[in-house]
Protein backbone atom coordinates (compact mmCIF):
# COMPACT_ATOMS: atom_id res chain seq x y z
CA MET A 1 -1.58 -53.66 -67.82
CA ASN A 2 -2.44 -56.11 -64.94
CA HIS A 3 -4.39 -59.25 -65.65
CA PRO A 4 -6.54 -60.68 -62.93
CA GLY A 5 -4.08 -62.91 -60.56
CA SER A 6 -1.24 -61.26 -61.94
CA GLN A 7 1.32 -59.63 -59.62
CA ASP A 8 3.79 -56.89 -60.57
CA ALA A 9 2.78 -56.89 -64.25
CA GLY A 10 3.12 -60.52 -64.30
CA VAL A 11 6.26 -61.02 -62.39
CA GLY A 12 6.23 -63.75 -59.83
CA PRO A 13 8.45 -66.60 -58.48
CA ALA A 14 7.15 -69.00 -61.37
CA SER A 15 7.95 -66.19 -63.89
CA GLN A 16 10.93 -67.25 -66.52
CA PRO A 17 12.56 -64.07 -67.42
CA ALA A 18 14.71 -63.44 -70.27
CA ILE A 19 17.09 -60.63 -71.78
CA GLY A 20 14.67 -58.32 -73.46
CA ARG A 21 14.68 -57.90 -77.22
CA GLY A 22 17.40 -55.65 -78.47
CA PHE A 23 19.52 -56.06 -75.48
CA ARG A 24 22.77 -57.91 -74.89
CA LEU A 25 24.39 -58.88 -71.65
CA GLN A 26 28.15 -59.50 -71.58
CA TRP A 27 31.29 -59.04 -69.41
CA GLU A 28 33.03 -56.15 -70.06
CA ALA A 29 36.83 -56.59 -68.63
CA ALA A 30 37.30 -52.62 -69.37
CA GLN A 31 34.83 -51.77 -66.99
CA ASN A 32 35.19 -54.99 -64.66
CA ALA A 33 31.46 -55.45 -64.49
CA HIS A 34 28.67 -57.06 -66.60
CA VAL A 35 27.09 -54.45 -69.20
CA LEU A 36 23.81 -54.23 -70.86
CA LEU A 37 24.27 -53.32 -74.64
CA TYR A 38 21.34 -51.60 -76.55
CA PRO A 39 21.59 -49.64 -79.90
CA GLU A 40 21.41 -46.35 -77.98
CA GLY A 41 24.21 -47.20 -75.61
CA MET A 42 25.14 -49.37 -72.82
CA VAL A 43 24.15 -49.85 -68.81
CA LYS A 44 26.84 -50.63 -66.52
CA LEU A 45 25.68 -53.24 -63.99
CA ASN A 46 26.55 -53.69 -60.31
CA GLY A 47 27.42 -57.12 -59.17
CA SER A 48 23.96 -58.11 -57.96
CA ALA A 49 22.39 -56.97 -61.19
CA GLY A 50 25.14 -58.76 -63.33
CA GLU A 51 24.37 -62.10 -61.57
CA ILE A 52 20.60 -61.88 -61.70
CA LEU A 53 20.60 -60.80 -65.27
CA LYS A 54 23.14 -63.67 -66.29
CA ARG A 55 20.79 -66.26 -65.09
CA CYS A 56 17.54 -64.84 -66.98
CA ASP A 57 17.63 -67.26 -69.72
CA GLY A 58 13.86 -67.59 -70.39
CA ALA A 59 13.49 -71.17 -68.92
CA THR A 60 14.70 -70.59 -65.25
CA SER A 61 11.89 -69.50 -62.78
CA ILE A 62 12.85 -66.50 -60.75
CA ALA A 63 12.32 -69.01 -57.66
CA ASP A 64 15.18 -71.17 -58.98
CA ILE A 65 17.34 -68.00 -60.03
CA THR A 66 16.90 -66.77 -56.14
CA ALA A 67 17.78 -70.37 -55.05
CA ASP A 68 20.89 -70.70 -57.09
CA LEU A 69 22.11 -67.14 -55.92
CA GLU A 70 21.35 -68.10 -52.47
CA ARG A 71 23.66 -71.18 -52.86
CA ALA A 72 26.20 -69.09 -54.81
CA PHE A 73 26.60 -66.56 -52.29
CA ALA A 74 25.90 -68.58 -49.21
CA ALA A 75 23.01 -65.75 -48.60
CA ALA A 76 19.39 -66.30 -47.44
CA ASN A 77 16.03 -64.31 -47.89
CA LEU A 78 16.96 -62.82 -51.38
CA SER A 79 13.74 -63.32 -53.10
CA ALA A 80 12.02 -60.07 -52.44
CA ASP A 81 15.07 -58.36 -53.58
CA VAL A 82 15.35 -60.56 -56.97
CA LEU A 83 11.75 -60.15 -57.63
CA ARG A 84 12.07 -56.22 -57.14
CA PHE A 85 14.99 -56.27 -59.24
CA VAL A 86 13.33 -58.24 -62.01
CA SER A 87 10.10 -56.12 -61.47
CA MET A 88 12.13 -52.80 -62.31
CA ALA A 89 14.22 -54.61 -65.20
CA VAL A 90 10.94 -55.66 -67.01
CA GLU A 91 9.83 -52.13 -66.73
CA LYS A 92 12.95 -50.56 -68.03
CA LYS A 93 12.37 -53.62 -70.88
CA TRP A 94 15.76 -55.25 -69.85
CA LEU A 95 13.99 -58.23 -69.35
CA GLN A 96 10.89 -59.86 -70.71
CA ILE A 97 8.70 -62.51 -69.28
CA GLY A 98 8.09 -65.62 -71.36
CA THR A 99 4.21 -66.47 -71.84
């Protein structure tokens, strides 16, 4: 449900995503990847997804997460990709947006 003035169900550069209730992010050495654990199973994340999710602490904005990723990986123009991933992760309930 979109509210007036919201974009992508409330996901925007100022949004502060956090790992969704019932999920736990951890590094899994056996998988050599970050995984998202939940009661029914596990999601193995690719490198980009793991890097984004580990920065989603509920206090850091998507704009700041993007800037940190751009610094960490000497990349530019990641904001559209980060917003697209966070929007998808919110739809899947992996992330929730603080109010």
